[in-house]
Protein backbone atom coordinates (compact mmCIF):
# COMPACT_ATOMS: atom_id res chain seq x y z
CA MET A 1 115.25 107.42 83.58
CA ASN A 2 113.44 108.81 86.61
CA LYS A 3 114.59 108.00 90.08
CA VAL A 4 112.26 106.59 92.67
CA VAL A 5 111.35 109.27 95.18
CA PHE A 6 111.10 107.99 98.75
CA LEU A 7 108.76 109.74 101.16
CA VAL A 8 109.07 108.08 104.55
CA VAL A 9 106.43 109.13 107.06
CA VAL A 10 108.35 108.83 110.32
CA LEU A 11 106.02 108.44 113.30
CA LEU A 12 108.43 109.62 115.97
CA ALA A 13 105.74 110.67 118.42
CA ALA A 14 104.77 107.13 119.31
CA SER A 15 108.36 106.00 119.72
CA LEU A 16 109.50 108.92 121.88
CA GLN A 17 106.76 108.60 124.49
CA SER A 18 107.22 106.40 127.51
CA PRO A 19 104.68 103.55 127.83
CA ALA A 20 102.96 105.35 130.71
CA ALA A 21 102.74 108.61 128.77
CA ALA A 22 101.37 106.84 125.68
CA ALA A 23 98.71 105.12 127.75
CA ALA A 24 97.62 108.40 129.30
CA ALA A 25 97.49 110.33 126.03
CA SER A 26 94.37 110.28 123.88
CA TYR A 27 94.52 109.08 120.30
CA LEU A 28 93.80 112.65 119.19
CA SER A 29 96.79 114.07 121.05
CA ARG A 30 99.07 111.36 119.67
CA LEU A 31 97.89 112.09 116.14
CA GLN A 32 98.49 115.80 116.67
CA SER A 33 102.04 115.03 117.80
CA VAL A 34 102.60 112.90 114.69
CA ILE A 35 101.43 115.72 112.41
CA THR A 36 103.70 118.19 114.15
CA ARG A 37 106.74 115.92 113.86
CA ASN A 38 105.94 114.98 110.27
CA GLY A 39 106.06 118.67 109.38
CA THR A 40 109.74 118.12 108.72
CA ASN A 41 108.70 116.10 105.65
CA LEU A 42 107.12 119.10 103.93
CA ALA A 43 110.27 119.91 101.96
CA ASN A 44 110.36 116.35 100.57
CA LEU A 45 106.68 116.46 99.72
CA THR A 46 107.17 119.78 97.93
CA LEU A 47 110.17 118.49 95.99
CA SER A 48 108.43 115.35 94.76
CA ALA A 49 105.23 117.26 93.96
CA GLY A 50 107.22 119.68 91.82
CA LYS A 51 108.71 116.80 89.85
CA ALA A 52 105.29 115.21 89.43
CA ALA A 53 103.84 118.50 88.18
CA MET A 54 106.46 118.69 85.43
CA GLU A 55 105.81 115.09 84.40
CA PHE A 56 102.06 115.71 84.47
CA ARG A 57 102.44 118.72 82.19
CA ALA A 58 104.59 116.58 79.89
CA GLY A 59 101.67 114.21 79.37
CA GLY A 60 102.05 111.79 82.26
CA ASN A 61 99.32 110.35 84.45
CA ILE A 62 99.02 110.19 88.22
CA TRP A 63 98.20 106.77 89.62
CA ILE A 64 97.46 105.44 93.12
CA ALA A 65 98.69 102.02 94.25
CA GLY A 66 99.97 100.06 97.23
CA ARG A 67 98.82 97.79 100.06
CA GLN A 68 96.91 100.53 101.88
CA ALA A 69 93.53 100.07 100.21
CA ASP A 70 91.86 102.96 102.02
CA PHE A 71 94.58 105.33 100.73
CA ILE A 72 93.65 104.35 97.17
CA SER A 73 89.91 104.83 97.65
CA GLU A 74 90.45 108.10 99.54
CA ALA A 75 92.52 109.61 96.73
CA CYS A 76 90.07 108.98 93.88
CA GLY A 77 86.87 110.88 93.14
CA ARG A 78 87.18 113.11 96.22
CA ALA A 79 85.66 116.49 96.86
CA GLY A 80 88.64 118.87 96.79
CA GLY A 81 90.85 116.22 95.19
CA LEU A 82 92.34 115.90 91.71
CA MET A 83 90.00 114.79 88.93
CA ALA A 84 92.82 113.38 86.81
CA ILE A 85 93.88 110.65 89.24
CA ALA A 86 92.96 106.97 89.34
CA ALA A 87 93.86 103.61 90.84
CA LEU A 88 96.67 101.94 88.90
CA GLY A 89 95.18 98.47 89.25
CA GLU A 90 96.53 96.15 86.56
CA ARG A 91 97.64 98.97 84.26
CA THR A 92 101.26 99.30 83.22
CA PRO A 93 102.65 102.77 83.95
CA ALA A 94 104.65 104.61 81.31
CA ARG A 95 107.32 107.26 81.06
CA HIS A 96 106.25 110.56 82.69
CA ASP A 97 103.73 108.76 84.94
CA THR A 98 103.76 109.28 88.71
CA ILE A 99 102.63 106.60 91.16
CA LEU A 100 101.68 107.42 94.74
CA TYR A 101 102.36 104.16 96.60
CA ALA A 102 101.15 103.70 100.18
CA VAL A 103 101.52 100.87 102.70
CA PRO A 104 100.65 100.37 106.37
CA GLY A 105 103.89 100.35 108.33
CA ASP A 106 107.08 99.88 106.33
CA MET A 107 107.82 98.83 102.73
CA ASP A 108 108.56 95.11 102.32
CA SER A 109 110.66 93.35 99.69
CA ASN A 110 107.70 92.84 97.35
CA ASP A 111 106.83 96.54 97.54
CA LEU A 112 110.39 97.54 96.72
CA LYS A 113 110.56 95.06 93.82
CA ARG A 114 107.31 96.35 92.35
CA CYS A 115 108.43 99.98 92.62
CA ALA A 116 111.77 99.14 91.01
CA GLN A 117 109.97 97.54 88.06
CA TRP A 118 107.91 100.67 87.52
CA GLN A 119 111.06 102.75 87.78
CA GLU A 120 112.60 100.70 84.97
CA LEU A 121 109.62 101.72 82.82
CA GLY A 122 110.42 105.39 83.43
CA ALA A 123 107.76 106.12 86.03
CA THR A 124 108.34 108.05 89.24
CA VAL A 125 107.22 106.34 92.44
CA ILE A 126 106.47 108.34 95.57
CA GLN A 127 106.27 106.18 98.66
CA PHE A 128 104.12 106.83 101.72
CA SER A 129 105.20 104.54 104.55
CA SER A 130 106.39 104.38 108.16
CA PRO A 131 109.38 102.55 109.66
CA ALA A 132 108.36 99.31 111.34
CA GLY A 133 107.78 99.61 115.07
CA LEU A 134 107.05 103.35 115.12
CA LEU A 135 103.29 103.15 115.25
CA ASP A 136 100.40 102.42 117.58
CA LYS A 137 99.39 98.94 116.42
CA GLN A 138 95.98 98.75 118.02
CA PHE A 139 94.88 102.23 117.02
CA PRO A 140 96.71 102.97 113.75
CA LEU A 141 98.44 106.30 113.41
CA ASP A 142 100.51 105.44 110.34
CA THR A 143 97.67 104.94 107.85
CA VAL A 144 96.00 108.18 108.95
CA ALA A 145 99.32 110.02 108.69
CA ASN A 146 99.75 108.64 105.15
CA VAL A 147 96.40 110.13 104.15
CA ILE A 148 97.28 113.48 105.70
CA ASP A 149 100.50 113.43 103.69
CA LEU A 150 98.52 112.49 100.56
CA TRP A 151 96.50 115.70 100.79
CA THR A 152 99.50 117.74 101.86
CA TRP A 153 101.29 116.44 98.76
CA THR A 154 98.26 117.24 96.59
CA GLY A 155 98.33 120.83 97.81
CA GLU A 156 102.00 121.10 96.92
CA PHE A 157 101.31 119.51 93.53
CA VAL A 158 98.61 122.11 92.81
CA ALA A 159 100.97 124.92 93.82
CA ALA A 160 103.75 123.51 91.63
CA CYS A 161 101.37 123.41 88.67
CA THR A 162 100.48 127.08 89.19
CA ARG A 163 104.17 127.90 89.05
CA LEU A 164 104.17 126.17 85.65
CA GLU A 165 101.26 128.43 84.61
CA GLN A 166 98.68 125.64 84.85
CA MET A 167 95.82 124.87 87.23
CA PRO A 168 94.80 121.22 87.60
CA VAL A 169 91.10 120.44 87.80
CA LEU A 170 89.82 119.51 91.26
CA TYR A 171 86.41 118.23 92.31
CA GLN A 172 83.67 120.17 94.03
CA SER A 173 81.59 118.13 96.48
CA TYR A 174 78.69 116.45 94.71
CA GLY A 175 76.64 117.09 97.85
CA LEU A 176 76.58 120.83 97.13
CA PRO A 177 74.56 122.63 94.44
CA GLY A 178 76.35 122.55 91.10
CA GLY A 179 78.82 119.85 92.12
CA PRO A 180 77.68 117.10 89.72
CA GLU A 181 77.25 119.55 86.85
CA ARG A 182 80.72 120.95 87.41
CA GLY A 183 82.11 117.42 87.44
CA LYS A 184 80.56 116.67 84.05
CA LYS A 185 81.85 119.96 82.64
CA TYR A 186 85.46 119.12 83.47
CA GLN A 187 85.35 115.34 83.00
CA GLY A 188 88.51 114.12 81.26
CA LYS A 189 90.37 117.43 81.63
CA LYS A 190 93.72 117.61 83.39
CA PHE A 191 94.05 121.40 83.46
CA HIS A 192 91.67 124.34 83.42
CA GLU A 193 91.40 126.23 80.17
CA ASP A 194 88.91 128.74 81.56
CA LEU A 195 90.87 130.40 84.36
CA THR A 196 94.33 131.46 85.42
CA ILE A 197 95.68 131.16 88.95
CA LYS A 198 98.59 133.23 90.16
CA PRO A 199 101.71 131.21 91.08
CA ILE A 200 101.59 129.87 94.62
CA THR A 201 104.76 129.70 96.70
CA ALA A 202 106.04 126.26 97.65
CA GLY A 203 104.91 125.10 101.10
CA VAL A 204 101.89 127.40 101.39
CA LEU A 205 99.05 125.00 100.54
CA GLY A 206 100.56 121.95 102.22
CA ARG A 207 101.22 123.85 105.42
CA GLU A 208 97.72 125.36 105.38
CA TYR A 209 96.15 121.91 105.05
CA ARG A 210 98.07 120.57 108.03
CA ASP A 211 97.24 123.67 110.05
CA GLN A 212 93.55 123.24 109.24
CA ILE A 213 93.60 119.58 110.30
CA GLN A 214 95.37 120.51 113.53
CA ARG A 215 92.71 123.12 114.27
CA MET A 216 89.93 120.61 113.68
CA LEU A 217 91.57 117.98 115.88
CA ALA A 218 92.08 120.58 118.61
CA LYS A 219 88.39 121.55 118.44
CA ILE A 220 87.30 117.95 118.92
CA ASN A 221 89.81 117.47 121.72
CA GLU A 222 88.58 120.58 123.48
CA THR A 223 84.82 120.30 122.94
CA GLN A 224 83.75 116.77 122.00
CA MET A 225 85.65 114.40 124.31
CA PRO A 226 82.84 114.18 126.93
CA LYS A 227 80.49 112.85 124.25
CA ILE A 228 83.13 110.46 122.94
CA ARG A 229 83.68 109.09 126.45
CA GLN A 230 79.94 108.73 127.03
CA ALA A 231 79.53 106.87 123.73
CA ALA A 232 82.51 104.66 124.59
CA LYS A 233 80.76 103.77 127.86
CA TRP A 234 77.57 102.89 126.00
CA TRP A 235 79.57 100.78 123.55
CA SER A 236 81.48 98.95 126.29
CA GLU A 237 78.21 97.84 127.88
CA VAL A 238 77.01 95.84 124.86
CA PRO A 239 78.41 92.67 123.24
CA LYS A 240 80.14 92.93 119.87
CA ALA A 241 77.15 91.38 118.08
CA SER A 242 74.94 94.22 119.37
CA ALA A 243 77.10 97.07 118.02
CA THR A 244 77.11 98.43 114.47
CA THR A 245 79.23 101.10 112.79
CA LEU A 246 77.59 102.87 109.84
CA VAL A 247 79.95 104.82 107.59
CA THR A 248 79.80 107.17 104.62
CA GLY A 249 82.91 108.05 102.69
CA HIS A 250 85.83 106.73 100.69
CA MET A 251 88.20 105.44 103.39
CA PHE A 252 85.69 103.34 105.33
CA PRO A 253 84.98 100.55 105.99
CA ARG A 254 88.38 99.41 104.62
CA HIS A 255 90.26 101.77 106.90
CA ALA A 256 88.97 100.09 110.07
CA GLN A 257 89.14 96.50 108.83
CA GLU A 258 92.91 96.01 108.76
CA SER A 259 94.31 93.10 110.76
CA ARG A 260 96.05 95.34 113.35
CA ALA A 261 92.83 96.98 114.49
CA LEU A 262 90.69 95.92 117.43
CA PRO A 263 87.33 94.67 116.08
CA PHE A 264 84.50 95.92 118.26
CA SER A 265 81.59 95.90 115.80
CA GLY A 266 80.35 95.07 112.36
CA PHE A 267 80.35 97.65 109.56
CA ALA A 268 77.86 98.79 106.97
CA ALA A 269 78.22 101.49 104.33
CA ILE A 270 75.42 104.03 103.97
CA PRO A 271 74.91 106.28 100.92
CA ALA A 272 75.92 109.89 101.39
CA TRP A 273 72.64 111.50 100.34
CA GLU A 274 70.06 108.73 100.70
CA ASN A 275 67.92 109.21 103.81
CA LYS A 276 66.25 105.90 104.64
CA ASP A 277 65.68 103.41 107.44
CA VAL A 278 68.89 101.47 107.99
CA LEU A 279 68.15 99.47 111.15
CA ASP A 280 66.26 96.19 111.29
CA ALA A 281 63.40 97.11 113.60
CA SER A 282 62.84 93.45 114.55
CA HIS A 283 66.46 92.97 115.68
CA PRO A 284 67.96 96.42 116.31
CA PRO A 285 71.52 96.78 117.60
CA ALA A 286 72.03 98.12 121.10
CA PHE A 287 74.65 100.67 120.04
CA VAL A 288 75.27 102.42 116.71
CA LEU A 289 78.13 104.66 115.63
CA CYS A 290 77.27 106.62 112.50
CA LEU A 291 80.12 108.41 110.74
CA GLY A 292 78.14 110.33 108.16
CA TYR A 293 78.99 113.06 105.70
CA GLN A 294 77.34 116.44 105.27
CA PHE A 295 73.76 116.09 106.51
CA ALA A 296 72.09 114.36 109.45
CA PRO A 297 70.54 110.91 108.85
CA GLN A 298 67.07 111.90 110.01
CA LYS A 299 65.44 108.50 109.54
CA LEU A 300 68.23 106.81 111.49
CA LEU A 301 67.68 109.29 114.31
CA ASP A 302 63.95 108.60 114.24
CA GLN A 303 64.59 104.85 114.39
CA ALA A 304 67.07 105.19 117.25
CA LYS A 305 64.62 107.31 119.23
CA THR A 306 61.73 104.90 118.63
CA LEU A 307 63.70 101.69 119.21
CA GLY A 308 65.77 102.97 122.14
CA VAL A 309 69.05 102.34 120.32
CA LYS A 310 71.99 104.25 121.75
CA LEU A 311 73.44 106.30 118.90
CA LEU A 312 76.43 108.55 118.35
CA TYR A 313 76.21 110.29 114.98
CA SER A 314 78.59 112.72 113.31
CA ASP A 315 77.73 114.94 110.33
CA VAL A 316 78.56 118.54 109.50
CA GLN A 317 74.94 119.65 109.79
CA PRO A 318 73.11 118.08 112.77
CA ALA A 319 69.41 117.43 113.05
CA GLU A 320 67.12 119.94 114.78
CA PRO A 321 67.39 119.49 117.68
CA PRO A 322 70.81 117.82 117.41
CA GLU A 323 70.06 115.38 120.25
CA PRO A 324 66.32 114.65 120.21
CA ALA A 325 66.53 111.96 122.91
CA SER A 326 68.71 110.97 125.86
CA ASN A 327 69.98 107.93 123.94
CA ILE A 328 71.28 110.05 121.03
CA LEU A 329 74.52 112.05 120.96
CA TYR A 330 75.66 114.41 118.18
CA LEU A 331 79.38 114.84 117.60
CA ASP A 332 80.57 117.87 115.63
CA PRO A 333 83.25 116.57 113.19
CA ALA A 334 84.76 120.09 112.84
CA TRP A 335 85.27 119.96 109.07
CA PRO A 336 83.49 122.32 106.63
CA LEU A 337 80.40 121.48 104.59
CA ALA A 338 82.38 121.77 101.33
CA ASP A 339 84.85 119.15 102.65
CA GLY A 340 87.72 120.98 100.97
CA CYS A 341 89.33 123.12 103.64
CA VAL A 342 92.01 125.15 101.81
CA THR A 343 91.29 128.18 99.65
CA VAL A 344 93.26 128.85 96.48
CA PRO A 345 92.95 132.56 95.59
CA GLY A 346 90.99 132.85 92.32
CA TYR A 347 89.78 129.23 92.31
CA ASP A 348 86.05 128.55 92.43
CA VAL A 349 86.01 125.75 95.04
CA PRO A 350 87.99 124.96 98.20
CA ILE A 351 90.44 122.08 97.82
CA LEU A 352 91.98 119.27 99.92
CA PRO A 353 89.30 117.29 101.80
CA ALA A 354 89.28 116.93 105.55
CA SER A 355 86.40 114.50 106.10
CA GLY A 356 88.32 111.22 105.69
CA VAL A 357 91.06 112.24 108.10
CA MET A 358 88.60 113.54 110.66
CA GLN A 359 86.34 110.49 110.41
CA ALA A 360 89.39 108.29 111.04
CA ALA A 361 90.50 110.44 113.98
CA ILE A 362 87.04 110.29 115.54
CA TYR A 363 86.74 106.55 114.98
CA TRP A 364 90.11 105.63 116.52
CA THR A 365 89.62 108.04 119.40
CA LEU A 366 86.31 106.38 120.21
CA ILE A 367 87.80 102.89 119.78
CA SER A 368 90.74 103.73 122.04
CA GLU A 369 88.40 105.11 124.71
CA ARG A 370 86.22 102.01 124.32
CA ALA A 371 89.28 99.78 124.83
CA ARG A 372 90.22 101.59 128.04
CA LEU A 373 86.93 100.47 129.56
CA SER A 374 87.02 96.81 128.50
CA PRO A 375 89.97 95.68 126.33
């Protein structure tokens, strides 16, 4: 019988700062500190990923479960993520299966009971959680750290598979040429039969993913904070009913709708590649935050310019010009167009997506700056 594997994401950065220091630090800098301190978990991530790789090769499945709903949606169907992964839902896991189980904060008694039941069935459970009290409750660090560890773990899982002479199938972004066709080609396949990848040393891919995220966060911290502060000022000057957040991606809007978060606006999901009018011209909001994906929402920009709506938008490729009016700000999200940000030598697409983590970092940074102005 397999043992339950516990991965505890310890958010020491928040607990070790004095209240004054925490108040002065930006959300971005606090998240960077968390990633640095959580680097000590890499050995545990590597160990559990190696076990999961052996079970996967033996015929097991990889499932996603837990009370962190955005973790589940982020893990499935992602550019740069595993194709052979799915939400557990009401399924019953079996021997050789691996379950990635994530919760906001710490595990409770019901979580532990559920994991123990799956353990009795022969499944391995890998837990992503944080000790109670070691998180920033208004601007969550723990759920973002869980997602970073999800992709760090995935990198270590891929590397472990290569050491078993297998290469798991990972998605290419459907927003890039050939992405949908490639997805159909490999649908239902766990491993590649058409290529061989040289064995990758433990720790290499997971460490590279964290390093890439740190570089992206640093770029935003160094170059985009003036725009974030300006947008926060715009946002603070309008009532909640006059602000809207438009989001594209897997984590949102669930990620921002948890009970611990400060609610400053309504949310609406917008399709990744559908360029259309999204604002009601007869009753437009006064402020819009648009967390997009790869390409600029040109019709939204046109509407904002015409209607005088103050807009902060973030996509990899901006419009031309990026800021066509004084009421429009473009924020560079710092992640690559392919979304996957780690290269595996010999593999045809980059793996391990950055967009969800970076969208979350941008959102909470803006929210925290907005709260400074009018809590």
